[in-house]
Amino acid sequence: MTAMNWPVLIGFKLSWFALVLLQNMLVIPVLLFLLWSLWRISPSERLAWLVLAAVGIALDSLLQYSGVLSFTGSVWLPLWMLVLWLVFSLVVVQVFSVFLQNYWLAALIAAVSGPMAYLGGAALSGQMQISNTTEAYIALALCWACYGVLSGWSRRFYA
């Protein structure tokens, strides 16, 4: 197991709170952190980051289109959410993927933690809403379980 990448983990946590609480107001500093971090990783890690970010954005777009997620005043995913996916995918590649090598455990961790992050984000942002139905929570858990497995599986291409 590799050493914990504390700068990326702390940077992600700060970015998450900045984007969820202040949305577009802090996009530029978060993007600067992202660019600095991407400059420091290998080309294969950058490719995995890009794929995981694209999959995450596609999943959220699908969840929004299906009515599971919605954003006040926005038909598409807002800029701050897109940037959040870019930063989250970086921390997946640099920190979390090492813990997601067991696919059953990855699915379980992601199926629980993903929806919890959405609930926390919705409560703090004032802009994001989650449909309060059983089907919505099942959809979130299934999407995140798949994303967790993909995150762990992707590690074989850059570790």
N, C-alpha and C. Protein backbone atom coordinates (compact mmCIF):
# COMPACT_ATOMS: atom_id res chain seq x y z
N MET A 1 0.85 -1.18 0.00
CA MET A 1 0.00 0.00 0.00
C MET A 1 0.89 1.24 0.00
N THR A 2 0.50 2.24 -0.74
CA THR A 2 1.27 3.46 -0.84
C THR A 2 0.92 4.41 0.30
N ALA A 3 1.78 5.39 0.50
CA ALA A 3 1.53 6.39 1.55
C ALA A 3 0.32 7.25 1.17
N MET A 4 -0.36 7.72 2.18
CA MET A 4 -1.53 8.58 1.97
C MET A 4 -1.10 9.89 1.33
N ASN A 5 -1.80 10.31 0.30
CA ASN A 5 -1.52 11.56 -0.38
C ASN A 5 -2.33 12.66 0.32
N TRP A 6 -1.79 13.16 1.42
CA TRP A 6 -2.51 14.13 2.24
C TRP A 6 -2.83 15.44 1.53
N PRO A 7 -1.92 16.01 0.72
CA PRO A 7 -2.28 17.27 0.03
C PRO A 7 -3.53 17.13 -0.85
N VAL A 8 -3.62 16.02 -1.57
CA VAL A 8 -4.78 15.82 -2.44
C VAL A 8 -6.05 15.57 -1.61
N LEU A 9 -5.93 14.76 -0.56
CA LEU A 9 -7.10 14.48 0.29
C LEU A 9 -7.61 15.75 0.96
N ILE A 10 -6.71 16.54 1.54
CA ILE A 10 -7.12 17.78 2.20
C ILE A 10 -7.63 18.78 1.17
N GLY A 11 -6.96 18.86 0.02
CA GLY A 11 -7.41 19.74 -1.05
C GLY A 11 -8.80 19.38 -1.53
N PHE A 12 -9.08 18.08 -1.64
CA PHE A 12 -10.42 17.66 -2.04
C PHE A 12 -11.46 18.07 -1.01
N LYS A 13 -11.18 17.81 0.25
CA LYS A 13 -12.16 18.16 1.31
C LYS A 13 -12.44 19.67 1.31
N LEU A 14 -11.39 20.47 1.20
CA LEU A 14 -11.58 21.92 1.14
C LEU A 14 -12.36 22.31 -0.11
N SER A 15 -12.05 21.68 -1.23
CA SER A 15 -12.75 21.96 -2.49
C SER A 15 -14.22 21.58 -2.39
N TRP A 16 -14.50 20.42 -1.78
CA TRP A 16 -15.89 19.96 -1.64
C TRP A 16 -16.70 21.00 -0.88
N PHE A 17 -16.19 21.42 0.29
CA PHE A 17 -16.92 22.41 1.08
C PHE A 17 -17.02 23.74 0.34
N ALA A 18 -15.96 24.17 -0.31
CA ALA A 18 -15.99 25.44 -1.04
C ALA A 18 -17.04 25.41 -2.14
N LEU A 19 -17.08 24.33 -2.91
CA LEU A 19 -18.01 24.26 -4.03
C LEU A 19 -19.44 24.04 -3.57
N VAL A 20 -19.64 23.22 -2.56
CA VAL A 20 -21.00 22.95 -2.08
C VAL A 20 -21.58 24.18 -1.38
N LEU A 21 -20.77 24.84 -0.57
CA LEU A 21 -21.28 25.99 0.18
C LEU A 21 -21.39 27.26 -0.65
N LEU A 22 -20.40 27.49 -1.52
CA LEU A 22 -20.35 28.76 -2.25
C LEU A 22 -20.51 28.59 -3.76
N GLN A 23 -20.75 27.39 -4.20
CA GLN A 23 -20.95 27.04 -5.61
C GLN A 23 -19.91 27.69 -6.52
N ASN A 24 -20.33 28.52 -7.44
CA ASN A 24 -19.43 29.05 -8.48
C ASN A 24 -18.44 30.09 -7.99
N MET A 25 -18.60 30.60 -6.78
CA MET A 25 -17.74 31.66 -6.28
C MET A 25 -16.28 31.21 -6.13
N LEU A 26 -16.04 29.94 -5.87
CA LEU A 26 -14.67 29.47 -5.65
C LEU A 26 -14.21 28.45 -6.70
N VAL A 27 -14.81 28.49 -7.87
CA VAL A 27 -14.42 27.57 -8.94
C VAL A 27 -12.97 27.79 -9.35
N ILE A 28 -12.54 29.03 -9.49
CA ILE A 28 -11.18 29.32 -9.97
C ILE A 28 -10.11 28.77 -9.02
N PRO A 29 -10.17 29.04 -7.70
CA PRO A 29 -9.15 28.45 -6.82
C PRO A 29 -9.17 26.91 -6.85
N VAL A 30 -10.33 26.33 -6.96
CA VAL A 30 -10.41 24.86 -7.02
C VAL A 30 -9.78 24.36 -8.32
N LEU A 31 -10.03 25.04 -9.42
CA LEU A 31 -9.41 24.65 -10.69
C LEU A 31 -7.89 24.81 -10.65
N LEU A 32 -7.40 25.83 -9.96
CA LEU A 32 -5.95 26.00 -9.81
C LEU A 32 -5.35 24.84 -9.02
N PHE A 33 -6.01 24.44 -7.94
CA PHE A 33 -5.57 23.27 -7.18
C PHE A 33 -5.58 22.02 -8.07
N LEU A 34 -6.63 21.86 -8.85
CA LEU A 34 -6.75 20.71 -9.75
C LEU A 34 -5.61 20.70 -10.76
N LEU A 35 -5.34 21.83 -11.40
CA LEU A 35 -4.26 21.90 -12.38
C LEU A 35 -2.90 21.59 -11.75
N TRP A 36 -2.65 22.13 -10.57
CA TRP A 36 -1.41 21.84 -9.85
C TRP A 36 -1.29 20.34 -9.59
N SER A 37 -2.37 19.72 -9.17
CA SER A 37 -2.37 18.29 -8.87
C SER A 37 -2.18 17.45 -10.13
N LEU A 38 -2.86 17.83 -11.21
CA LEU A 38 -2.73 17.08 -12.45
C LEU A 38 -1.32 17.18 -13.03
N TRP A 39 -0.67 18.30 -12.82
CA TRP A 39 0.69 18.50 -13.29
C TRP A 39 1.64 17.52 -12.61
N ARG A 40 1.32 17.10 -11.39
CA ARG A 40 2.19 16.26 -10.58
C ARG A 40 1.99 14.76 -10.77
N ILE A 41 0.99 14.34 -11.56
CA ILE A 41 0.72 12.91 -11.70
C ILE A 41 1.14 12.41 -13.08
N SER A 42 1.20 11.09 -13.19
CA SER A 42 1.66 10.47 -14.44
C SER A 42 0.58 10.55 -15.52
N PRO A 43 0.99 10.40 -16.79
CA PRO A 43 0.01 10.39 -17.88
C PRO A 43 -1.06 9.31 -17.73
N SER A 44 -0.68 8.13 -17.24
CA SER A 44 -1.68 7.06 -17.07
C SER A 44 -2.68 7.41 -15.96
N GLU A 45 -2.21 8.09 -14.91
CA GLU A 45 -3.13 8.55 -13.86
C GLU A 45 -4.06 9.64 -14.41
N ARG A 46 -3.53 10.51 -15.25
CA ARG A 46 -4.37 11.55 -15.86
C ARG A 46 -5.45 10.94 -16.73
N LEU A 47 -5.13 9.89 -17.46
CA LEU A 47 -6.12 9.24 -18.30
C LEU A 47 -7.21 8.60 -17.44
N ALA A 48 -6.81 7.91 -16.37
CA ALA A 48 -7.79 7.31 -15.45
C ALA A 48 -8.66 8.40 -14.83
N TRP A 49 -8.04 9.52 -14.43
CA TRP A 49 -8.78 10.65 -13.87
C TRP A 49 -9.83 11.15 -14.86
N LEU A 50 -9.42 11.31 -16.11
CA LEU A 50 -10.33 11.82 -17.13
C LEU A 50 -11.51 10.88 -17.36
N VAL A 51 -11.24 9.58 -17.43
CA VAL A 51 -12.31 8.60 -17.63
C VAL A 51 -13.26 8.59 -16.44
N LEU A 52 -12.72 8.58 -15.22
CA LEU A 52 -13.57 8.56 -14.03
C LEU A 52 -14.39 9.85 -13.92
N ALA A 53 -13.81 10.98 -14.27
CA ALA A 53 -14.56 12.24 -14.25
C ALA A 53 -15.68 12.21 -15.28
N ALA A 54 -15.39 11.73 -16.48
CA ALA A 54 -16.41 11.67 -17.54
C ALA A 54 -17.55 10.73 -17.14
N VAL A 55 -17.21 9.59 -16.54
CA VAL A 55 -18.25 8.65 -16.10
C VAL A 55 -19.09 9.27 -15.00
N GLY A 56 -18.46 9.94 -14.04
CA GLY A 56 -19.20 10.59 -12.96
C GLY A 56 -20.12 11.68 -13.46
N ILE A 57 -19.64 12.49 -14.38
CA ILE A 57 -20.47 13.55 -14.94
C ILE A 57 -21.63 12.95 -15.73
N ALA A 58 -21.35 11.88 -16.47
CA ALA A 58 -22.42 11.21 -17.23
C ALA A 58 -23.46 10.62 -16.27
N LEU A 59 -23.01 9.99 -15.18
CA LEU A 59 -23.95 9.42 -14.20
C LEU A 59 -24.82 10.52 -13.58
N ASP A 60 -24.20 11.61 -13.16
CA ASP A 60 -24.99 12.69 -12.57
C ASP A 60 -25.95 13.31 -13.59
N SER A 61 -25.51 13.42 -14.83
CA SER A 61 -26.40 13.94 -15.88
C SER A 61 -27.60 13.02 -16.06
N LEU A 62 -27.35 11.72 -16.05
CA LEU A 62 -28.43 10.73 -16.15
C LEU A 62 -29.36 10.82 -14.94
N LEU A 63 -28.79 10.95 -13.76
CA LEU A 63 -29.60 11.07 -12.55
C LEU A 63 -30.42 12.36 -12.56
N GLN A 64 -29.86 13.42 -13.10
CA GLN A 64 -30.62 14.67 -13.20
C GLN A 64 -31.73 14.53 -14.24
N TYR A 65 -31.40 13.96 -15.37
CA TYR A 65 -32.39 13.77 -16.43
C TYR A 65 -33.56 12.90 -15.96
N SER A 66 -33.25 11.91 -15.12
CA SER A 66 -34.29 11.00 -14.63
C SER A 66 -35.07 11.58 -13.45
N GLY A 67 -34.64 12.72 -12.92
CA GLY A 67 -35.35 13.36 -11.82
C GLY A 67 -34.87 12.97 -10.44
N VAL A 68 -33.84 12.16 -10.36
CA VAL A 68 -33.30 11.78 -9.05
C VAL A 68 -32.63 12.99 -8.41
N LEU A 69 -31.89 13.75 -9.20
CA LEU A 69 -31.23 14.97 -8.75
C LEU A 69 -31.83 16.16 -9.48
N SER A 70 -31.83 17.31 -8.85
CA SER A 70 -32.18 18.55 -9.53
C SER A 70 -31.40 19.68 -8.89
N PHE A 71 -31.20 20.73 -9.68
CA PHE A 71 -30.46 21.89 -9.24
C PHE A 71 -31.29 23.14 -9.51
N THR A 72 -31.46 23.95 -8.50
CA THR A 72 -32.26 25.16 -8.62
C THR A 72 -31.71 26.05 -9.73
N GLY A 73 -32.59 26.42 -10.65
CA GLY A 73 -32.23 27.34 -11.72
C GLY A 73 -31.31 26.77 -12.77
N SER A 74 -31.23 25.45 -12.89
CA SER A 74 -30.31 24.86 -13.85
C SER A 74 -30.92 23.61 -14.48
N VAL A 75 -30.92 23.59 -15.80
CA VAL A 75 -31.40 22.41 -16.52
C VAL A 75 -30.28 21.38 -16.61
N TRP A 76 -29.04 21.85 -16.72
CA TRP A 76 -27.86 20.99 -16.80
C TRP A 76 -27.17 20.96 -15.45
N LEU A 77 -26.17 20.12 -15.34
CA LEU A 77 -25.36 20.15 -14.12
C LEU A 77 -24.68 21.52 -14.04
N PRO A 78 -24.74 22.16 -12.89
CA PRO A 78 -24.09 23.48 -12.77
C PRO A 78 -22.57 23.34 -12.81
N LEU A 79 -21.91 24.45 -13.12
CA LEU A 79 -20.46 24.47 -13.23
C LEU A 79 -19.78 23.94 -11.98
N TRP A 80 -20.25 24.33 -10.81
CA TRP A 80 -19.61 23.89 -9.58
C TRP A 80 -19.68 22.38 -9.41
N MET A 81 -20.74 21.75 -9.90
CA MET A 81 -20.86 20.29 -9.81
C MET A 81 -19.90 19.60 -10.79
N LEU A 82 -19.74 20.18 -11.96
CA LEU A 82 -18.78 19.64 -12.92
C LEU A 82 -17.36 19.70 -12.35
N VAL A 83 -17.02 20.83 -11.76
CA VAL A 83 -15.69 20.99 -11.16
C VAL A 83 -15.53 20.04 -9.97
N LEU A 84 -16.58 19.85 -9.21
CA LEU A 84 -16.53 18.91 -8.09
C LEU A 84 -16.21 17.51 -8.58
N TRP A 85 -16.79 17.09 -9.70
CA TRP A 85 -16.47 15.78 -10.27
C TRP A 85 -15.01 15.70 -10.70
N LEU A 86 -14.47 16.78 -11.23
CA LEU A 86 -13.06 16.78 -11.64
C LEU A 86 -12.15 16.58 -10.43
N VAL A 87 -12.46 17.27 -9.34
CA VAL A 87 -11.65 17.16 -8.13
C VAL A 87 -11.88 15.80 -7.45
N PHE A 88 -13.12 15.34 -7.42
CA PHE A 88 -13.40 14.05 -6.81
C PHE A 88 -12.68 12.93 -7.56
N SER A 89 -12.68 12.97 -8.86
CA SER A 89 -12.01 11.92 -9.64
C SER A 89 -10.51 11.92 -9.39
N LEU A 90 -9.95 13.09 -9.14
CA LEU A 90 -8.53 13.16 -8.78
C LEU A 90 -8.27 12.45 -7.47
N VAL A 91 -9.09 12.69 -6.45
CA VAL A 91 -8.86 12.05 -5.16
C VAL A 91 -9.15 10.55 -5.23
N VAL A 92 -10.03 10.14 -6.13
CA VAL A 92 -10.25 8.70 -6.34
C VAL A 92 -8.96 8.06 -6.85
N VAL A 93 -8.35 8.67 -7.87
CA VAL A 93 -7.13 8.12 -8.45
C VAL A 93 -5.97 8.18 -7.47
N GLN A 94 -5.82 9.30 -6.78
CA GLN A 94 -4.66 9.52 -5.93
C GLN A 94 -4.78 8.94 -4.52
N VAL A 95 -6.00 8.70 -4.03
CA VAL A 95 -6.16 8.26 -2.64
C VAL A 95 -7.07 7.05 -2.51
N PHE A 96 -8.32 7.16 -2.97
CA PHE A 96 -9.34 6.16 -2.65
C PHE A 96 -9.18 4.83 -3.38
N SER A 97 -8.69 4.84 -4.61
CA SER A 97 -8.69 3.61 -5.41
C SER A 97 -7.90 2.49 -4.76
N VAL A 98 -6.90 2.81 -3.99
CA VAL A 98 -6.10 1.78 -3.33
C VAL A 98 -6.95 0.98 -2.32
N PHE A 99 -7.98 1.62 -1.79
CA PHE A 99 -8.86 0.96 -0.82
C PHE A 99 -10.03 0.23 -1.49
N LEU A 100 -10.14 0.36 -2.80
CA LEU A 100 -11.29 -0.19 -3.52
C LEU A 100 -10.92 -1.40 -4.37
N GLN A 101 -9.86 -2.10 -4.02
CA GLN A 101 -9.39 -3.24 -4.80
C GLN A 101 -10.30 -4.46 -4.67
N ASN A 102 -10.93 -4.62 -3.53
CA ASN A 102 -11.93 -5.68 -3.35
C ASN A 102 -13.25 -5.14 -3.87
N TYR A 103 -13.74 -5.71 -4.97
CA TYR A 103 -14.89 -5.12 -5.66
C TYR A 103 -16.17 -5.15 -4.83
N TRP A 104 -16.37 -6.16 -4.01
CA TRP A 104 -17.57 -6.18 -3.16
C TRP A 104 -17.50 -5.07 -2.12
N LEU A 105 -16.32 -4.91 -1.55
CA LEU A 105 -16.14 -3.85 -0.56
C LEU A 105 -16.26 -2.47 -1.23
N ALA A 106 -15.70 -2.34 -2.43
CA ALA A 106 -15.79 -1.08 -3.18
C ALA A 106 -17.25 -0.73 -3.45
N ALA A 107 -18.02 -1.72 -3.88
CA ALA A 107 -19.44 -1.48 -4.17
C ALA A 107 -20.18 -1.06 -2.90
N LEU A 108 -19.91 -1.73 -1.79
CA LEU A 108 -20.58 -1.41 -0.53
C LEU A 108 -20.21 -0.01 -0.03
N ILE A 109 -18.90 0.27 -0.01
CA ILE A 109 -18.45 1.59 0.46
C ILE A 109 -19.06 2.70 -0.39
N ALA A 110 -19.00 2.54 -1.70
CA ALA A 110 -19.50 3.58 -2.60
C ALA A 110 -21.03 3.70 -2.53
N ALA A 111 -21.72 2.56 -2.41
CA ALA A 111 -23.19 2.59 -2.36
C ALA A 111 -23.70 3.31 -1.13
N VAL A 112 -22.91 3.32 -0.07
CA VAL A 112 -23.30 4.02 1.16
C VAL A 112 -22.77 5.46 1.16
N SER A 113 -21.48 5.62 0.87
CA SER A 113 -20.86 6.95 1.00
C SER A 113 -21.29 7.92 -0.10
N GLY A 114 -21.52 7.44 -1.31
CA GLY A 114 -21.95 8.33 -2.39
C GLY A 114 -23.26 9.03 -2.10
N PRO A 115 -24.32 8.26 -1.83
CA PRO A 115 -25.60 8.91 -1.49
C PRO A 115 -25.51 9.79 -0.24
N MET A 116 -24.68 9.39 0.73
CA MET A 116 -24.53 10.24 1.93
C MET A 116 -23.90 11.58 1.57
N ALA A 117 -22.95 11.57 0.65
CA ALA A 117 -22.33 12.83 0.21
C ALA A 117 -23.35 13.71 -0.50
N TYR A 118 -24.23 13.09 -1.28
CA TYR A 118 -25.28 13.86 -1.96
C TYR A 118 -26.24 14.46 -0.94
N LEU A 119 -26.61 13.68 0.07
CA LEU A 119 -27.52 14.20 1.10
C LEU A 119 -26.87 15.37 1.84
N GLY A 120 -25.60 15.22 2.19
CA GLY A 120 -24.88 16.31 2.85
C GLY A 120 -24.77 17.53 1.94
N GLY A 121 -24.45 17.29 0.68
CA GLY A 121 -24.35 18.40 -0.27
C GLY A 121 -25.67 19.11 -0.48
N ALA A 122 -26.74 18.33 -0.55
CA ALA A 122 -28.07 18.94 -0.73
C ALA A 122 -28.44 19.78 0.49
N ALA A 123 -28.11 19.28 1.68
CA ALA A 123 -28.45 20.02 2.90
C ALA A 123 -27.64 21.31 3.01
N LEU A 124 -26.40 21.30 2.55
CA LEU A 124 -25.54 22.48 2.70
C LEU A 124 -25.65 23.46 1.54
N SER A 125 -25.91 22.97 0.34
CA SER A 125 -25.82 23.83 -0.84
C SER A 125 -27.02 24.75 -1.01
N GLY A 126 -28.19 24.26 -0.70
CA GLY A 126 -29.39 25.03 -0.95
C GLY A 126 -29.75 25.09 -2.43
N GLN A 127 -28.93 24.49 -3.28
CA GLN A 127 -29.19 24.51 -4.71
C GLN A 127 -29.48 23.11 -5.25
N MET A 128 -29.01 22.08 -4.59
CA MET A 128 -29.21 20.71 -5.06
C MET A 128 -30.33 20.04 -4.28
N GLN A 129 -31.20 19.31 -4.99
CA GLN A 129 -32.26 18.55 -4.35
C GLN A 129 -32.18 17.10 -4.82
N ILE A 130 -32.56 16.20 -3.91
CA ILE A 130 -32.63 14.78 -4.23
C ILE A 130 -34.08 14.35 -4.08
N SER A 131 -34.57 13.63 -5.06
CA SER A 131 -35.93 13.12 -4.99
C SER A 131 -36.07 12.24 -3.76
N ASN A 132 -37.10 12.47 -2.99
CA ASN A 132 -37.28 11.75 -1.73
C ASN A 132 -38.13 10.50 -1.94
N THR A 133 -37.65 9.62 -2.82
CA THR A 133 -38.36 8.36 -3.07
C THR A 133 -37.40 7.20 -2.87
N THR A 134 -37.95 6.06 -2.59
CA THR A 134 -37.14 4.85 -2.44
C THR A 134 -36.39 4.55 -3.73
N GLU A 135 -37.07 4.73 -4.86
CA GLU A 135 -36.44 4.45 -6.16
C GLU A 135 -35.22 5.36 -6.38
N ALA A 136 -35.32 6.61 -5.96
CA ALA A 136 -34.21 7.55 -6.13
C ALA A 136 -33.00 7.09 -5.32
N TYR A 137 -33.23 6.67 -4.09
CA TYR A 137 -32.12 6.22 -3.25
C TYR A 137 -31.52 4.92 -3.77
N ILE A 138 -32.35 4.05 -4.30
CA ILE A 138 -31.84 2.81 -4.90
C ILE A 138 -31.00 3.14 -6.13
N ALA A 139 -31.48 4.06 -6.96
CA ALA A 139 -30.73 4.47 -8.15
C ALA A 139 -29.38 5.07 -7.76
N LEU A 140 -29.38 5.93 -6.76
CA LEU A 140 -28.12 6.52 -6.29
C LEU A 140 -27.15 5.44 -5.80
N ALA A 141 -27.66 4.54 -4.99
CA ALA A 141 -26.81 3.48 -4.43
C ALA A 141 -26.25 2.59 -5.54
N LEU A 142 -27.07 2.22 -6.51
CA LEU A 142 -26.60 1.37 -7.61
C LEU A 142 -25.57 2.09 -8.47
N CYS A 143 -25.83 3.34 -8.80
CA CYS A 143 -24.87 4.11 -9.60
C CYS A 143 -23.53 4.23 -8.87
N TRP A 144 -23.61 4.54 -7.60
CA TRP A 144 -22.37 4.69 -6.84
C TRP A 144 -21.66 3.36 -6.63
N ALA A 145 -22.40 2.28 -6.45
CA ALA A 145 -21.76 0.96 -6.32
C ALA A 145 -20.96 0.66 -7.59
N CYS A 146 -21.55 0.91 -8.74
CA CYS A 146 -20.85 0.67 -10.01
C CYS A 146 -19.64 1.59 -10.14
N TYR A 147 -19.79 2.84 -9.74
CA TYR A 147 -18.68 3.78 -9.81
C TYR A 147 -17.54 3.34 -8.88
N GLY A 148 -17.88 2.82 -7.71
CA GLY A 148 -16.85 2.34 -6.79
C GLY A 148 -16.07 1.18 -7.37
N VAL A 149 -16.76 0.25 -7.99
CA VAL A 149 -16.08 -0.89 -8.61
C VAL A 149 -15.19 -0.41 -9.75
N LEU A 150 -15.71 0.49 -10.59
CA LEU A 150 -14.91 1.04 -11.68
C LEU A 150 -13.67 1.75 -11.15
N SER A 151 -13.82 2.46 -10.05
CA SER A 151 -12.69 3.18 -9.45
C SER A 151 -11.60 2.22 -9.01
N GLY A 152 -11.98 1.15 -8.36
CA GLY A 152 -10.99 0.16 -7.94
C GLY A 152 -10.37 -0.57 -9.12
N TRP A 153 -11.20 -0.92 -10.09
CA TRP A 153 -10.72 -1.63 -11.29
C TRP A 153 -9.75 -0.76 -12.09
N SER A 154 -10.01 0.53 -12.16
CA SER A 154 -9.18 1.43 -12.97
C SER A 154 -7.74 1.48 -12.49
N ARG A 155 -7.52 1.18 -11.23
CA ARG A 155 -6.19 1.25 -10.65
C ARG A 155 -5.19 0.36 -11.38
N ARG A 156 -5.65 -0.72 -11.96
CA ARG A 156 -4.74 -1.64 -12.66
C ARG A 156 -4.05 -0.98 -13.85
N PHE A 157 -4.56 0.15 -14.31
CA PHE A 157 -3.99 0.82 -15.48
C PHE A 157 -2.92 1.86 -15.12
N TYR A 158 -2.80 2.18 -13.84
CA TYR A 158 -1.82 3.21 -13.49
C TYR A 158 -1.01 2.90 -12.24
N ALA A 159 -1.35 1.88 -11.49
CA ALA A 159 -0.61 1.59 -10.26
C ALA A 159 0.54 0.63 -10.49
